[in-house]
Amino acid sequence: MGRMRRVLLLALLGAALVLPAGAQQFPDPVLYELLPVDYPYPVARVCYTSEGICALPTFIPPGSPCECRRPDGEWVKGVCTH
């Protein structure tokens, strides 16, 4: 029974260390603007195009058509992947 307590204690300690990381704040990307290839932050809803990805509002369901705006102002068609 002592081994089971240690396993439970380690699991609770691991959860305590991981849960605060989920509360981190990341900058919000500009919606519909193509993101740089090396964009370092997570994006909740993504429009995938042949020229890259952009952030979408979270109410757009995956599988929906979408568009991203290039730096020159042109729009590129894509699909919402997640």
PDB file of N, CA and C in Angstrom:
ATOM      1  N   MET A   1       0.820  -1.198   0.000  1.00  0.00           N
ATOM      2  CA  MET A   1       0.000   0.000   0.000  1.00  0.00           C
ATOM      3  C   MET A   1       0.867   1.268   0.000  1.00  0.00           C
ATOM      4  N   GLY A   2       2.089   1.199   0.566  1.00  0.00           N
ATOM      5  CA  GLY A   2       2.970   2.358   0.607  1.00  0.00           C
ATOM      6  C   GLY A   2       3.396   2.786  -0.791  1.00  0.00           C
ATOM      7  N   ARG A   3       3.601   1.812  -1.685  1.00  0.00           N
ATOM      8  CA  ARG A   3       3.988   2.125  -3.066  1.00  0.00           C
ATOM      9  C   ARG A   3       2.863   2.877  -3.766  1.00  0.00           C
ATOM     10  N   MET A   4       1.626   2.468  -3.514  1.00  0.00           N
ATOM     11  CA  MET A   4       0.472   3.116  -4.132  1.00  0.00           C
ATOM     12  C   MET A   4       0.360   4.569  -3.675  1.00  0.00           C
ATOM     13  N   ARG A   5       0.643   4.811  -2.426  1.00  0.00           N
ATOM     14  CA  ARG A   5       0.601   6.196  -1.913  1.00  0.00           C
ATOM     15  C   ARG A   5       1.664   7.060  -2.578  1.00  0.00           C
ATOM     16  N   ARG A   6       2.859   6.480  -2.755  1.00  0.00           N
ATOM     17  CA  ARG A   6       3.933   7.239  -3.413  1.00  0.00           C
ATOM     18  C   ARG A   6       3.566   7.564  -4.861  1.00  0.00           C
ATOM     19  N   VAL A   7       2.976   6.599  -5.541  1.00  0.00           N
ATOM     20  CA  VAL A   7       2.561   6.830  -6.931  1.00  0.00           C
ATOM     21  C   VAL A   7       1.500   7.928  -6.987  1.00  0.00           C
ATOM     22  N   LEU A   8       0.531   7.868  -6.087  1.00  0.00           N
ATOM     23  CA  LEU A   8      -0.516   8.892  -6.038  1.00  0.00           C
ATOM     24  C   LEU A   8       0.070  10.261  -5.708  1.00  0.00           C
ATOM     25  N   LEU A   9       0.994  10.306  -4.762  1.00  0.00           N
ATOM     26  CA  LEU A   9       1.633  11.569  -4.392  1.00  0.00           C
ATOM     27  C   LEU A   9       2.412  12.150  -5.567  1.00  0.00           C
ATOM     28  N   LEU A  10       3.149  11.292  -6.287  1.00  0.00           N
ATOM     29  CA  LEU A  10       3.891  11.775  -7.454  1.00  0.00           C
ATOM     30  C   LEU A  10       2.954  12.273  -8.549  1.00  0.00           C
ATOM     31  N   ALA A  11       1.837  11.592  -8.750  1.00  0.00           N
ATOM     32  CA  ALA A  11       0.865  12.034  -9.753  1.00  0.00           C
ATOM     33  C   ALA A  11       0.281  13.389  -9.380  1.00  0.00           C
ATOM     34  N   LEU A  12      -0.069  13.581  -8.115  1.00  0.00           N
ATOM     35  CA  LEU A  12      -0.613  14.870  -7.675  1.00  0.00           C
ATOM     36  C   LEU A  12       0.427  15.979  -7.782  1.00  0.00           C
ATOM     37  N   LEU A  13       1.658  15.681  -7.423  1.00  0.00           N
ATOM     38  CA  LEU A  13       2.734  16.667  -7.533  1.00  0.00           C
ATOM     39  C   LEU A  13       2.969  17.041  -8.991  1.00  0.00           C
ATOM     40  N   GLY A  14       2.964  16.039  -9.883  1.00  0.00           N
ATOM     41  CA  GLY A  14       3.128  16.316 -11.309  1.00  0.00           C
ATOM     42  C   GLY A  14       2.016  17.192 -11.839  1.00  0.00           C
ATOM     43  N   ALA A  15       0.781  16.924 -11.426  1.00  0.00           N
ATOM     44  CA  ALA A  15      -0.349  17.752 -11.861  1.00  0.00           C
ATOM     45  C   ALA A  15      -0.201  19.177 -11.350  1.00  0.00           C
ATOM     46  N   ALA A  16       0.273  19.333 -10.131  1.00  0.00           N
ATOM     47  CA  ALA A  16       0.441  20.677  -9.557  1.00  0.00           C
ATOM     48  C   ALA A  16       1.494  21.474 -10.320  1.00  0.00           C
ATOM     49  N   LEU A  17       2.504  20.789 -10.822  1.00  0.00           N
ATOM     50  CA  LEU A  17       3.547  21.485 -11.572  1.00  0.00           C
ATOM     51  C   LEU A  17       3.111  21.825 -12.988  1.00  0.00           C
ATOM     52  N   VAL A  18       2.231  21.028 -13.568  1.00  0.00           N
ATOM     53  CA  VAL A  18       1.817  21.218 -14.955  1.00  0.00           C
ATOM     54  C   VAL A  18       0.658  22.199 -15.072  1.00  0.00           C
ATOM     55  N   LEU A  19      -0.287  22.166 -14.186  1.00  0.00           N
ATOM     56  CA  LEU A  19      -1.492  22.987 -14.312  1.00  0.00           C
ATOM     57  C   LEU A  19      -1.212  24.486 -14.381  1.00  0.00           C
ATOM     58  N   PRO A  20      -0.308  25.051 -13.582  1.00  0.00           N
ATOM     59  CA  PRO A  20      -0.061  26.488 -13.726  1.00  0.00           C
ATOM     60  C   PRO A  20       0.475  26.867 -15.106  1.00  0.00           C
ATOM     61  N   ALA A  21       1.183  25.968 -15.777  1.00  0.00           N
ATOM     62  CA  ALA A  21       1.695  26.281 -17.115  1.00  0.00           C
ATOM     63  C   ALA A  21       0.558  26.478 -18.104  1.00  0.00           C
ATOM     64  N   GLY A  22      -0.557  25.810 -17.891  1.00  0.00           N
ATOM     65  CA  GLY A  22      -1.710  25.971 -18.776  1.00  0.00           C
ATOM     66  C   GLY A  22      -2.340  27.343 -18.662  1.00  0.00           C
ATOM     67  N   ALA A  23      -2.061  28.033 -17.586  1.00  0.00           N
ATOM     68  CA  ALA A  23      -2.642  29.355 -17.369  1.00  0.00           C
ATOM     69  C   ALA A  23      -1.784  30.471 -17.970  1.00  0.00           C
ATOM     70  N   GLN A  24      -0.716  30.101 -18.690  1.00  0.00           N
ATOM     71  CA  GLN A  24       0.141  31.118 -19.287  1.00  0.00           C
ATOM     72  C   GLN A  24      -0.642  31.950 -20.291  1.00  0.00           C
ATOM     73  N   GLN A  25      -0.271  33.198 -20.391  1.00  0.00           N
ATOM     74  CA  GLN A  25      -0.888  34.098 -21.354  1.00  0.00           C
ATOM     75  C   GLN A  25       0.043  34.256 -22.550  1.00  0.00           C
ATOM     76  N   PHE A  26      -0.501  34.067 -23.736  1.00  0.00           N
ATOM     77  CA  PHE A  26       0.251  34.260 -24.972  1.00  0.00           C
ATOM     78  C   PHE A  26      -0.348  35.435 -25.728  1.00  0.00           C
ATOM     79  N   PRO A  27       0.454  36.136 -26.530  1.00  0.00           N
ATOM     80  CA  PRO A  27      -0.103  37.238 -27.318  1.00  0.00           C
ATOM     81  C   PRO A  27      -1.098  36.705 -28.357  1.00  0.00           C
ATOM     82  N   ASP A  28      -2.158  37.456 -28.570  1.00  0.00           N
ATOM     83  CA  ASP A  28      -3.141  37.085 -29.587  1.00  0.00           C
ATOM     84  C   ASP A  28      -2.646  37.524 -30.954  1.00  0.00           C
ATOM     85  N   PRO A  29      -2.585  36.601 -31.911  1.00  0.00           N
ATOM     86  CA  PRO A  29      -2.187  37.010 -33.262  1.00  0.00           C
ATOM     87  C   PRO A  29      -3.311  37.811 -33.914  1.00  0.00           C
ATOM     88  N   VAL A  30      -2.969  38.632 -34.874  1.00  0.00           N
ATOM     89  CA  VAL A  30      -3.970  39.397 -35.615  1.00  0.00           C
ATOM     90  C   VAL A  30      -4.759  38.410 -36.469  1.00  0.00           C
ATOM     91  N   LEU A  31      -6.065  38.420 -36.338  1.00  0.00           N
ATOM     92  CA  LEU A  31      -6.901  37.493 -37.089  1.00  0.00           C
ATOM     93  C   LEU A  31      -6.761  37.733 -38.586  1.00  0.00           C
ATOM     94  N   TYR A  32      -6.718  36.657 -39.335  1.00  0.00           N
ATOM     95  CA  TYR A  32      -6.681  36.623 -40.799  1.00  0.00           C
ATOM     96  C   TYR A  32      -5.354  37.058 -41.416  1.00  0.00           C
ATOM     97  N   GLU A  33      -4.392  37.532 -40.634  1.00  0.00           N
ATOM     98  CA  GLU A  33      -3.090  37.927 -41.174  1.00  0.00           C
ATOM     99  C   GLU A  33      -2.186  36.704 -41.229  1.00  0.00           C
ATOM    100  N   LEU A  34      -1.529  36.460 -42.388  1.00  0.00           N
ATOM    101  CA  LEU A  34      -0.581  35.344 -42.480  1.00  0.00           C
ATOM    102  C   LEU A  34       0.486  35.493 -41.407  1.00  0.00           C
ATOM    103  N   LEU A  35       0.762  34.396 -40.728  1.00  0.00           N
ATOM    104  CA  LEU A  35       1.756  34.405 -39.657  1.00  0.00           C
ATOM    105  C   LEU A  35       3.119  34.019 -40.210  1.00  0.00           C
ATOM    106  N   PRO A  36       4.189  34.518 -39.583  1.00  0.00           N
ATOM    107  CA  PRO A  36       5.523  34.112 -40.027  1.00  0.00           C
ATOM    108  C   PRO A  36       5.719  32.610 -39.812  1.00  0.00           C
ATOM    109  N   VAL A  37       6.562  32.013 -40.602  1.00  0.00           N
ATOM    110  CA  VAL A  37       6.819  30.576 -40.509  1.00  0.00           C
ATOM    111  C   VAL A  37       7.301  30.188 -39.113  1.00  0.00           C
ATOM    112  N   ASP A  38       8.052  31.067 -38.477  1.00  0.00           N
ATOM    113  CA  ASP A  38       8.612  30.767 -37.157  1.00  0.00           C
ATOM    114  C   ASP A  38       7.766  31.340 -36.006  1.00  0.00           C
ATOM    115  N   TYR A  39       6.463  31.529 -36.209  1.00  0.00           N
ATOM    116  CA  TYR A  39       5.596  32.070 -35.152  1.00  0.00           C
ATOM    117  C   TYR A  39       5.678  31.148 -33.929  1.00  0.00           C
ATOM    118  N   PRO A  40       6.121  31.666 -32.777  1.00  0.00           N
ATOM    119  CA  PRO A  40       6.459  30.791 -31.643  1.00  0.00           C
ATOM    120  C   PRO A  40       5.313  30.425 -30.696  1.00  0.00           C
ATOM    121  N   TYR A  41       4.124  30.954 -30.909  1.00  0.00           N
ATOM    122  CA  TYR A  41       3.043  30.746 -29.941  1.00  0.00           C
ATOM    123  C   TYR A  41       1.948  29.851 -30.507  1.00  0.00           C
ATOM    124  N   PRO A  42       1.194  29.201 -29.622  1.00  0.00           N
ATOM    125  CA  PRO A  42       0.087  28.370 -30.106  1.00  0.00           C
ATOM    126  C   PRO A  42      -1.044  29.229 -30.679  1.00  0.00           C
ATOM    127  N   VAL A  43      -1.766  28.659 -31.624  1.00  0.00           N
ATOM    128  CA  VAL A  43      -2.911  29.334 -32.246  1.00  0.00           C
ATOM    129  C   VAL A  43      -4.119  28.419 -32.071  1.00  0.00           C
ATOM    130  N   ALA A  44      -5.200  28.940 -31.515  1.00  0.00           N
ATOM    131  CA  ALA A  44      -6.373  28.128 -31.195  1.00  0.00           C
ATOM    132  C   ALA A  44      -7.098  27.633 -32.447  1.00  0.00           C
ATOM    133  N   ARG A  45      -7.323  28.496 -33.410  1.00  0.00           N
ATOM    134  CA  ARG A  45      -8.057  28.121 -34.636  1.00  0.00           C
ATOM    135  C   ARG A  45      -7.229  28.568 -35.815  1.00  0.00           C
ATOM    136  N   VAL A  46      -6.950  27.659 -36.745  1.00  0.00           N
ATOM    137  CA  VAL A  46      -5.997  27.923 -37.829  1.00  0.00           C
ATOM    138  C   VAL A  46      -6.660  27.794 -39.187  1.00  0.00           C
ATOM    139  N   CYS A  47      -6.359  28.750 -40.071  1.00  0.00           N
ATOM    140  CA  CYS A  47      -6.706  28.640 -41.478  1.00  0.00           C
ATOM    141  C   CYS A  47      -5.422  28.242 -42.197  1.00  0.00           C
ATOM    142  N   TYR A  48      -5.445  27.088 -42.858  1.00  0.00           N
ATOM    143  CA  TYR A  48      -4.287  26.580 -43.575  1.00  0.00           C
ATOM    144  C   TYR A  48      -4.438  26.916 -45.051  1.00  0.00           C
ATOM    145  N   THR A  49      -3.434  27.576 -45.611  1.00  0.00           N
ATOM    146  CA  THR A  49      -3.446  27.937 -47.029  1.00  0.00           C
ATOM    147  C   THR A  49      -2.175  27.424 -47.696  1.00  0.00           C
ATOM    148  N   SER A  50      -2.102  27.580 -49.004  1.00  0.00           N
ATOM    149  CA  SER A  50      -0.896  27.171 -49.734  1.00  0.00           C
ATOM    150  C   SER A  50       0.296  28.077 -49.419  1.00  0.00           C
ATOM    151  N   GLU A  51       0.035  29.238 -48.803  1.00  0.00           N
ATOM    152  CA  GLU A  51       1.105  30.193 -48.509  1.00  0.00           C
ATOM    153  C   GLU A  51       1.411  30.317 -47.023  1.00  0.00           C
ATOM    154  N   GLY A  52       0.739  29.534 -46.190  1.00  0.00           N
ATOM    155  CA  GLY A  52       0.985  29.597 -44.753  1.00  0.00           C
ATOM    156  C   GLY A  52      -0.302  29.493 -43.967  1.00  0.00           C
ATOM    157  N   ILE A  53      -0.240  29.902 -42.706  1.00  0.00           N
ATOM    158  CA  ILE A  53      -1.405  29.835 -41.833  1.00  0.00           C
ATOM    159  C   ILE A  53      -1.722  31.202 -41.248  1.00  0.00           C
ATOM    160  N   CYS A  54      -2.962  31.337 -40.779  1.00  0.00           N
ATOM    161  CA  CYS A  54      -3.362  32.532 -40.045  1.00  0.00           C
ATOM    162  C   CYS A  54      -4.340  32.117 -38.960  1.00  0.00           C
ATOM    163  N   ALA A  55      -4.513  32.982 -37.985  1.00  0.00           N
ATOM    164  CA  ALA A  55      -5.437  32.721 -36.881  1.00  0.00           C
ATOM    165  C   ALA A  55      -6.851  33.107 -37.295  1.00  0.00           C
ATOM    166  N   LEU A  56      -7.806  32.328 -36.807  1.00  0.00           N
ATOM    167  CA  LEU A  56      -9.224  32.579 -37.063  1.00  0.00           C
ATOM    168  C   LEU A  56      -9.958  32.720 -35.740  1.00  0.00           C
ATOM    169  N   PRO A  57     -11.142  33.329 -35.741  1.00  0.00           N
ATOM    170  CA  PRO A  57     -11.963  33.317 -34.528  1.00  0.00           C
ATOM    171  C   PRO A  57     -12.335  31.868 -34.180  1.00  0.00           C
ATOM    172  N   THR A  58     -12.455  31.567 -32.911  1.00  0.00           N
ATOM    173  CA  THR A  58     -12.697  30.181 -32.484  1.00  0.00           C
ATOM    174  C   THR A  58     -14.090  29.675 -32.827  1.00  0.00           C
ATOM    175  N   PHE A  59     -15.007  30.539 -33.213  1.00  0.00           N
ATOM    176  CA  PHE A  59     -16.354  30.060 -33.536  1.00  0.00           C
ATOM    177  C   PHE A  59     -16.446  29.472 -34.949  1.00  0.00           C
ATOM    178  N   ILE A  60     -15.392  29.581 -35.743  1.00  0.00           N
ATOM    179  CA  ILE A  60     -15.390  28.993 -37.091  1.00  0.00           C
ATOM    180  C   ILE A  60     -15.053  27.512 -36.954  1.00  0.00           C
ATOM    181  N   PRO A  61     -15.920  26.622 -37.413  1.00  0.00           N
ATOM    182  CA  PRO A  61     -15.678  25.181 -37.227  1.00  0.00           C
ATOM    183  C   PRO A  61     -14.616  24.630 -38.184  1.00  0.00           C
ATOM    184  N   PRO A  62     -13.852  23.639 -37.719  1.00  0.00           N
ATOM    185  CA  PRO A  62     -12.880  22.985 -38.611  1.00  0.00           C
ATOM    186  C   PRO A  62     -13.570  22.428 -39.853  1.00  0.00           C
ATOM    187  N   GLY A  63     -12.877  22.520 -40.981  1.00  0.00           N
ATOM    188  CA  GLY A  63     -13.426  22.062 -42.248  1.00  0.00           C
ATOM    189  C   GLY A  63     -14.081  23.166 -43.050  1.00  0.00           C
ATOM    190  N   SER A  64     -14.281  24.319 -42.431  1.00  0.00           N
ATOM    191  CA  SER A  64     -14.901  25.448 -43.130  1.00  0.00           C
ATOM    192  C   SER A  64     -13.889  26.132 -44.050  1.00  0.00           C
ATOM    193  N   PRO A  65     -14.348  26.678 -45.174  1.00  0.00           N
ATOM    194  CA  PRO A  65     -13.438  27.479 -46.003  1.00  0.00           C
ATOM    195  C   PRO A  65     -13.075  28.766 -45.263  1.00  0.00           C
ATOM    196  N   CYS A  66     -11.892  29.263 -45.527  1.00  0.00           N
ATOM    197  CA  CYS A  66     -11.433  30.496 -44.885  1.00  0.00           C
ATOM    198  C   CYS A  66     -10.446  31.192 -45.808  1.00  0.00           C
ATOM    199  N   GLU A  67      -9.997  32.368 -45.402  1.00  0.00           N
ATOM    200  CA  GLU A  67      -9.017  33.126 -46.168  1.00  0.00           C
ATOM    201  C   GLU A  67      -8.052  33.810 -45.219  1.00  0.00           C
ATOM    202  N   CYS A  68      -6.817  33.964 -45.671  1.00  0.00           N
ATOM    203  CA  CYS A  68      -5.793  34.714 -44.943  1.00  0.00           C
ATOM    204  C   CYS A  68      -5.326  35.862 -45.821  1.00  0.00           C
ATOM    205  N   ARG A  69      -4.955  36.958 -45.193  1.00  0.00           N
ATOM    206  CA  ARG A  69      -4.482  38.126 -45.942  1.00  0.00           C
ATOM    207  C   ARG A  69      -2.957  38.162 -45.941  1.00  0.00           C
ATOM    208  N   ARG A  70      -2.381  38.253 -47.125  1.00  0.00           N
ATOM    209  CA  ARG A  70      -0.938  38.372 -47.274  1.00  0.00           C
ATOM    210  C   ARG A  70      -0.511  39.797 -46.909  1.00  0.00           C
ATOM    211  N   PRO A  71       0.785  40.021 -46.694  1.00  0.00           N
ATOM    212  CA  PRO A  71       1.274  41.375 -46.400  1.00  0.00           C
ATOM    213  C   PRO A  71       0.957  42.396 -47.492  1.00  0.00           C
ATOM    214  N   ASP A  72       0.821  41.939 -48.751  1.00  0.00           N
ATOM    215  CA  ASP A  72       0.512  42.879 -49.836  1.00  0.00           C
ATOM    216  C   ASP A  72      -0.988  43.163 -49.949  1.00  0.00           C
ATOM    217  N   GLY A  73      -1.789  42.617 -49.037  1.00  0.00           N
ATOM    218  CA  GLY A  73      -3.219  42.892 -49.024  1.00  0.00           C
ATOM    219  C   GLY A  73      -4.068  41.886 -49.785  1.00  0.00           C
ATOM    220  N   GLU A  74      -3.449  40.990 -50.540  1.00  0.00           N
ATOM    221  CA  GLU A  74      -4.190  39.970 -51.282  1.00  0.00           C
ATOM    222  C   GLU A  74      -4.661  38.873 -50.329  1.00  0.00           C
ATOM    223  N   TRP A  75      -5.814  38.288 -50.642  1.00  0.00           N
ATOM    224  CA  TRP A  75      -6.385  37.219 -49.832  1.00  0.00           C
ATOM    225  C   TRP A  75      -6.089  35.875 -50.469  1.00  0.00           C
ATOM    226  N   VAL A  76      -5.776  34.887 -49.642  1.00  0.00           N
ATOM    227  CA  VAL A  76      -5.453  33.535 -50.097  1.00  0.00           C
ATOM    228  C   VAL A  76      -6.475  32.589 -49.482  1.00  0.00           C
ATOM    229  N   LYS A  77      -7.102  31.757 -50.318  1.00  0.00           N
ATOM    230  CA  LYS A  77      -8.127  30.815 -49.841  1.00  0.00           C
ATOM    231  C   LYS A  77      -7.474  29.639 -49.127  1.00  0.00           C
ATOM    232  N   GLY A  78      -8.188  29.125 -48.118  1.00  0.00           N
ATOM    233  CA  GLY A  78      -7.702  27.979 -47.365  1.00  0.00           C
ATOM    234  C   GLY A  78      -8.847  27.254 -46.690  1.00  0.00           C
ATOM    235  N   VAL A  79      -8.498  26.409 -45.743  1.00  0.00           N
ATOM    236  CA  VAL A  79      -9.499  25.648 -44.992  1.00  0.00           C
ATOM    237  C   VAL A  79      -9.098  25.659 -43.517  1.00  0.00           C
ATOM    238  N   CYS A  80     -10.105  25.742 -42.660  1.00  0.00           N
ATOM    239  CA  CYS A  80      -9.875  25.744 -41.210  1.00  0.00           C
ATOM    240  C   CYS A  80      -9.523  24.311 -40.789  1.00  0.00           C
ATOM    241  N   THR A  81      -8.336  24.139 -40.233  1.00  0.00           N
ATOM    242  CA  THR A  81      -7.884  22.795 -39.883  1.00  0.00           C
ATOM    243  C   THR A  81      -8.072  22.447 -38.418  1.00  0.00           C
ATOM    244  N   HIS A  82      -8.012  23.363 -37.520  1.00  0.00           N
ATOM    245  CA  HIS A  82      -8.295  23.086 -36.097  1.00  0.00           C
ATOM    246  C   HIS A  82      -8.592  24.361 -35.368  1.00  0.00           C
TER     247      HIS A  82
END
